């Protein structure tokens, strides 16, 4: 993926684990090697829910707890996941929303 908002388009990897956690980690540019987001995820009413205690919100860039909700569509390549498409339903973390909304990410 490419980080939007404050990410200046730097490449990053979104990881969803089997333990129900997620992380967004920069892999190039200014954010290379930095964690730029983390928290837990779950599913509610067929939507992906991302919960994090490190959301940056408002003009003061305050760190707060926030919840982002996305509809996620997937495409298979044979028997393996091929890609995920994210459509934001609601996410107060504007940089995360800009990075994920209407984006298709390749699954690895």
Protein backbone atom coordinates (compact mmCIF):
# COMPACT_ATOMS: atom_id res chain seq x y z
CA UNK A 1 0.00 0.00 0.00
CA UNK A 2 0.99 3.64 -0.18
CA UNK A 3 0.57 5.89 2.83
CA UNK A 4 -1.66 8.89 2.18
CA UNK A 5 -2.29 12.02 4.20
CA UNK A 6 0.90 12.59 6.17
CA UNK A 7 2.51 9.55 4.51
CA UNK A 8 3.49 11.34 1.30
CA UNK A 9 2.81 8.16 -0.72
CA UNK A 10 5.55 6.13 0.98
CA UNK A 11 5.15 2.35 0.57
CA UNK A 12 3.89 0.37 3.56
CA UNK A 13 2.62 -3.08 4.45
CA UNK A 14 -0.69 -3.75 6.21
CA UNK A 15 -0.52 -6.95 8.26
CA UNK A 16 -3.59 -8.71 9.69
CA UNK A 17 -2.65 -11.53 12.06
CA UNK A 18 -4.54 -14.65 13.10
CA UNK A 19 -4.47 -13.27 16.67
CA UNK A 20 -6.72 -10.36 15.65
CA UNK A 21 -4.11 -7.60 15.52
CA UNK A 22 -3.11 -5.33 12.67
CA UNK A 23 -0.11 -3.16 11.92
CA UNK A 24 0.84 -0.70 9.22
CA UNK A 25 4.60 -0.56 8.71
CA UNK A 26 6.58 1.68 6.39
CA UNK A 27 8.89 -0.16 4.00
CA UNK A 28 10.32 2.74 2.00
CA UNK A 29 10.82 6.49 1.91
CA UNK A 30 10.73 8.58 5.07
CA UNK A 31 8.65 5.97 6.96
CA UNK A 32 10.89 2.98 6.15
CA UNK A 33 11.17 0.77 9.21
CA UNK A 34 8.56 2.73 11.19
CA UNK A 35 5.28 1.44 12.55
CA UNK A 36 2.64 3.96 11.48
CA UNK A 37 -0.42 2.27 12.95
CA UNK A 38 -1.46 -0.72 15.02
CA UNK A 39 -4.34 -2.12 17.01
CA UNK A 40 -6.88 -4.90 16.90
CA UNK A 41 -9.39 -5.92 14.28
CA UNK A 42 -12.66 -7.81 14.28
CA UNK A 43 -15.68 -8.30 12.07
CA UNK A 44 -19.15 -6.89 12.78
CA UNK A 45 -22.09 -7.14 10.39
CA UNK A 46 -19.72 -8.30 7.62
CA UNK A 47 -17.54 -5.21 8.07
CA UNK A 48 -13.89 -5.02 9.14
CA UNK A 49 -13.50 -3.01 12.35
CA UNK A 50 -10.07 -1.54 13.16
CA UNK A 51 -9.60 -0.36 16.74
CA UNK A 52 -6.54 1.58 17.80
CA UNK A 53 -5.31 3.64 20.75
CA UNK A 54 -2.89 5.64 18.60
CA UNK A 55 -5.14 7.53 16.18
CA UNK A 56 -4.13 11.08 15.39
CA UNK A 57 -7.18 13.32 15.31
CA UNK A 58 -7.74 17.06 15.15
CA UNK A 59 -5.57 20.05 14.51
CA UNK A 60 -3.57 19.39 17.68
CA UNK A 61 -2.61 15.90 16.43
CA UNK A 62 -3.83 14.36 19.68
CA UNK A 63 -3.44 10.59 20.09
CA UNK A 64 -6.82 9.08 20.93
CA UNK A 65 -8.65 5.78 20.74
CA UNK A 66 -10.67 5.42 17.56
CA UNK A 67 -12.54 2.83 15.55
CA UNK A 68 -12.54 2.59 11.76
CA UNK A 69 -15.11 0.51 9.91
CA UNK A 70 -14.56 -0.76 6.37
CA UNK A 71 -16.39 -2.95 3.91
CA UNK A 72 -13.75 -5.29 2.47
CA UNK A 73 -14.07 -7.15 -0.82
CA UNK A 74 -11.67 -9.91 -1.78
CA UNK A 75 -10.61 -11.60 -4.98
CA UNK A 76 -9.10 -15.06 -5.13
CA UNK A 77 -6.30 -16.29 -7.38
CA UNK A 78 -6.94 -19.99 -7.60
CA UNK A 79 -7.24 -21.22 -4.02
CA UNK A 80 -5.29 -18.30 -2.54
CA UNK A 81 -6.31 -14.74 -1.61
CA UNK A 82 -5.29 -12.37 -4.38
CA UNK A 83 -6.40 -8.91 -3.29
CA UNK A 84 -8.48 -6.94 -0.81
CA UNK A 85 -10.45 -3.79 -1.65
CA UNK A 86 -11.31 -1.42 1.23
CA UNK A 87 -14.30 0.94 1.24
CA UNK A 88 -14.50 3.22 4.28
CA UNK A 89 -17.80 3.30 6.11
CA UNK A 90 -16.45 5.46 8.93
CA UNK A 91 -12.94 6.21 10.17
CA UNK A 92 -12.07 9.34 12.19
CA UNK A 93 -8.33 8.69 11.62
CA UNK A 94 -8.05 10.68 8.38
CA UNK A 95 -4.56 9.49 7.34
CA UNK A 96 -5.55 5.83 7.75
CA UNK A 97 -8.79 6.47 5.87
CA UNK A 98 -6.93 8.17 3.00
CA UNK A 99 -4.48 5.26 2.90
CA UNK A 100 -7.17 2.53 2.76
CA UNK A 101 -10.41 3.95 1.33
CA UNK A 102 -11.10 2.79 -2.24
CA UNK A 103 -7.71 1.06 -2.40
CA UNK A 104 -7.02 -2.45 -3.61
CA UNK A 105 -4.17 -4.17 -1.79
CA UNK A 106 -2.47 -7.32 -2.99
CA UNK A 107 -2.49 -10.22 -0.50
CA UNK A 108 0.81 -11.94 0.23
